Amino acid sequence: MNWSNWIRQGHRWLAIAFTLTVIANFVAMSRGQPPAWIVYSPLLPLFLLLFSGLYMFVLPYVAKRPG
């Protein structure tokens, strides 16, 4: 498995982790004021999704470069 496949698979698992943290955030908010660590927990997977998504977005353009 090459580097791009690892990033693609990691992006999928990060999307699952992000979705679960957002769901946990909504559940915690429905029960009152949640602790700060629950409120900010979706940010780490979100930033990692940003970087892996940008990598996968740019990859086809870099691969098409002549030479």
N, C-alpha and C. Protein backbone atom coordinates (compact mmCIF):
# COMPACT_ATOMS: atom_id res chain seq x y z
N MET A 1 0.85 -1.18 0.00
CA MET A 1 0.00 0.00 0.00
C MET A 1 0.89 1.24 0.00
N ASN A 2 0.65 2.14 -0.94
CA ASN A 2 1.52 3.31 -1.03
C ASN A 2 1.00 4.45 -0.14
N TRP A 3 1.76 5.53 -0.13
CA TRP A 3 1.50 6.66 0.76
C TRP A 3 0.12 7.28 0.51
N SER A 4 -0.29 7.42 -0.73
CA SER A 4 -1.58 8.02 -1.06
C SER A 4 -2.74 7.18 -0.55
N ASN A 5 -2.60 5.87 -0.65
CA ASN A 5 -3.66 5.00 -0.15
C ASN A 5 -3.77 5.09 1.37
N TRP A 6 -2.64 5.23 2.06
CA TRP A 6 -2.68 5.39 3.51
C TRP A 6 -3.39 6.68 3.90
N ILE A 7 -3.12 7.74 3.18
CA ILE A 7 -3.77 9.03 3.48
C ILE A 7 -5.26 8.93 3.18
N ARG A 8 -5.63 8.30 2.09
CA ARG A 8 -7.05 8.15 1.74
C ARG A 8 -7.79 7.33 2.80
N GLN A 9 -7.19 6.25 3.24
CA GLN A 9 -7.82 5.41 4.27
C GLN A 9 -7.88 6.16 5.60
N GLY A 10 -6.82 6.89 5.93
CA GLY A 10 -6.83 7.69 7.15
C GLY A 10 -7.89 8.77 7.10
N HIS A 11 -8.09 9.36 5.92
CA HIS A 11 -9.11 10.39 5.76
C HIS A 11 -10.50 9.81 6.04
N ARG A 12 -10.73 8.61 5.59
CA ARG A 12 -12.03 7.96 5.86
C ARG A 12 -12.24 7.73 7.35
N TRP A 13 -11.21 7.23 8.03
CA TRP A 13 -11.35 6.98 9.47
C TRP A 13 -11.46 8.29 10.25
N LEU A 14 -10.78 9.32 9.79
CA LEU A 14 -10.91 10.63 10.44
C LEU A 14 -12.32 11.18 10.27
N ALA A 15 -12.94 10.93 9.13
CA ALA A 15 -14.31 11.38 8.91
C ALA A 15 -15.26 10.69 9.89
N ILE A 16 -15.03 9.41 10.16
CA ILE A 16 -15.85 8.69 11.14
C ILE A 16 -15.63 9.27 12.53
N ALA A 17 -14.37 9.52 12.89
CA ALA A 17 -14.07 10.09 14.20
C ALA A 17 -14.68 11.48 14.35
N PHE A 18 -14.60 12.28 13.31
CA PHE A 18 -15.18 13.62 13.35
C PHE A 18 -16.70 13.55 13.53
N THR A 19 -17.35 12.66 12.80
CA THR A 19 -18.80 12.51 12.91
C THR A 19 -19.20 12.10 14.32
N LEU A 20 -18.46 11.17 14.90
CA LEU A 20 -18.78 10.73 16.27
C LEU A 20 -18.57 11.83 17.29
N THR A 21 -17.53 12.64 17.12
CA THR A 21 -17.32 13.72 18.08
C THR A 21 -18.38 14.81 17.95
N VAL A 22 -18.85 15.05 16.74
CA VAL A 22 -19.92 16.04 16.56
C VAL A 22 -21.22 15.52 17.17
N ILE A 23 -21.52 14.24 16.99
CA ILE A 23 -22.71 13.66 17.61
C ILE A 23 -22.61 13.73 19.13
N ALA A 24 -21.45 13.40 19.67
CA ALA A 24 -21.25 13.49 21.13
C ALA A 24 -21.41 14.93 21.61
N ASN A 25 -20.99 15.87 20.80
CA ASN A 25 -21.12 17.28 21.14
C ASN A 25 -22.60 17.67 21.23
N PHE A 26 -23.41 17.27 20.26
CA PHE A 26 -24.84 17.58 20.28
C PHE A 26 -25.55 16.90 21.44
N VAL A 27 -25.18 15.67 21.73
CA VAL A 27 -25.79 14.96 22.87
C VAL A 27 -25.44 15.67 24.17
N ALA A 28 -24.20 16.08 24.31
CA ALA A 28 -23.77 16.78 25.53
C ALA A 28 -24.47 18.13 25.66
N MET A 29 -24.65 18.83 24.54
CA MET A 29 -25.32 20.13 24.59
C MET A 29 -26.80 20.00 24.94
N SER A 30 -27.41 18.89 24.56
CA SER A 30 -28.82 18.70 24.87
C SER A 30 -29.04 18.46 26.37
N ARG A 31 -28.00 18.07 27.07
CA ARG A 31 -28.09 17.80 28.50
C ARG A 31 -27.65 18.98 29.36
N GLY A 32 -27.34 20.10 28.74
CA GLY A 32 -26.90 21.26 29.49
C GLY A 32 -25.57 21.76 28.97
N GLN A 33 -24.89 22.53 29.80
CA GLN A 33 -23.60 23.09 29.41
C GLN A 33 -22.52 22.01 29.44
N PRO A 34 -21.97 21.64 28.25
CA PRO A 34 -20.95 20.58 28.22
C PRO A 34 -19.59 21.11 28.65
N PRO A 35 -18.72 20.22 29.10
CA PRO A 35 -17.35 20.65 29.41
C PRO A 35 -16.61 21.08 28.14
N ALA A 36 -15.58 21.87 28.33
CA ALA A 36 -14.85 22.44 27.19
C ALA A 36 -14.20 21.36 26.33
N TRP A 37 -13.73 20.27 26.92
CA TRP A 37 -13.05 19.26 26.12
C TRP A 37 -14.01 18.58 25.14
N ILE A 38 -15.31 18.51 25.48
CA ILE A 38 -16.27 17.94 24.54
C ILE A 38 -16.57 18.94 23.42
N VAL A 39 -16.65 20.21 23.78
CA VAL A 39 -16.94 21.24 22.78
C VAL A 39 -15.83 21.32 21.74
N TYR A 40 -14.59 21.23 22.18
CA TYR A 40 -13.45 21.40 21.27
C TYR A 40 -12.93 20.09 20.70
N SER A 41 -13.50 18.97 21.08
CA SER A 41 -13.00 17.67 20.59
C SER A 41 -13.13 17.48 19.08
N PRO A 42 -14.11 18.06 18.39
CA PRO A 42 -14.15 17.86 16.93
C PRO A 42 -13.06 18.62 16.16
N LEU A 43 -12.36 19.51 16.80
CA LEU A 43 -11.40 20.35 16.07
C LEU A 43 -10.18 19.57 15.57
N LEU A 44 -9.66 18.67 16.35
CA LEU A 44 -8.48 17.91 15.92
C LEU A 44 -8.78 17.07 14.67
N PRO A 45 -9.86 16.25 14.68
CA PRO A 45 -10.14 15.52 13.44
C PRO A 45 -10.48 16.44 12.26
N LEU A 46 -11.08 17.59 12.56
CA LEU A 46 -11.43 18.53 11.49
C LEU A 46 -10.17 19.07 10.82
N PHE A 47 -9.17 19.46 11.59
CA PHE A 47 -7.94 19.98 11.00
C PHE A 47 -7.18 18.89 10.25
N LEU A 48 -7.18 17.67 10.79
CA LEU A 48 -6.53 16.57 10.08
C LEU A 48 -7.26 16.24 8.78
N LEU A 49 -8.60 16.34 8.81
CA LEU A 49 -9.37 16.15 7.58
C LEU A 49 -9.05 17.24 6.56
N LEU A 50 -8.85 18.45 7.04
CA LEU A 50 -8.50 19.56 6.15
C LEU A 50 -7.20 19.26 5.41
N PHE A 51 -6.17 18.86 6.15
CA PHE A 51 -4.87 18.62 5.53
C PHE A 51 -4.89 17.41 4.61
N SER A 52 -5.53 16.32 5.04
CA SER A 52 -5.57 15.15 4.16
C SER A 52 -6.46 15.41 2.95
N GLY A 53 -7.52 16.17 3.11
CA GLY A 53 -8.38 16.51 1.98
C GLY A 53 -7.68 17.41 0.98
N LEU A 54 -6.94 18.38 1.48
CA LEU A 54 -6.18 19.24 0.58
C LEU A 54 -5.11 18.46 -0.18
N TYR A 55 -4.47 17.51 0.50
CA TYR A 55 -3.48 16.66 -0.16
C TYR A 55 -4.12 15.88 -1.30
N MET A 56 -5.28 15.27 -1.02
CA MET A 56 -5.94 14.47 -2.06
C MET A 56 -6.49 15.35 -3.18
N PHE A 57 -6.84 16.60 -2.86
CA PHE A 57 -7.31 17.51 -3.89
C PHE A 57 -6.19 17.93 -4.83
N VAL A 58 -5.01 18.17 -4.30
CA VAL A 58 -3.89 18.66 -5.10
C VAL A 58 -3.18 17.53 -5.84
N LEU A 59 -3.28 16.32 -5.34
CA LEU A 59 -2.55 15.20 -5.91
C LEU A 59 -2.75 15.00 -7.41
N PRO A 60 -3.96 15.04 -7.96
CA PRO A 60 -4.10 14.85 -9.41
C PRO A 60 -3.44 15.95 -10.23
N TYR A 61 -3.43 17.17 -9.72
CA TYR A 61 -2.81 18.27 -10.46
C TYR A 61 -1.30 18.14 -10.47
N VAL A 62 -0.73 17.67 -9.38
CA VAL A 62 0.71 17.48 -9.32
C VAL A 62 1.13 16.30 -10.18
N ALA A 63 0.31 15.27 -10.25
CA ALA A 63 0.64 14.07 -11.03
C ALA A 63 0.58 14.35 -12.53
N LYS A 64 -0.20 15.33 -12.96
CA LYS A 64 -0.34 15.65 -14.38
C LYS A 64 0.73 16.56 -14.91
N ARG A 65 1.63 17.02 -14.04
CA ARG A 65 2.68 17.94 -14.48
C ARG A 65 3.56 17.29 -15.54
N PRO A 66 3.85 18.00 -16.62
CA PRO A 66 4.72 17.42 -17.65
C PRO A 66 6.17 17.31 -17.17
N GLY A 67 6.81 16.27 -17.60
CA GLY A 67 8.22 16.11 -17.28
C GLY A 67 8.38 15.09 -16.26
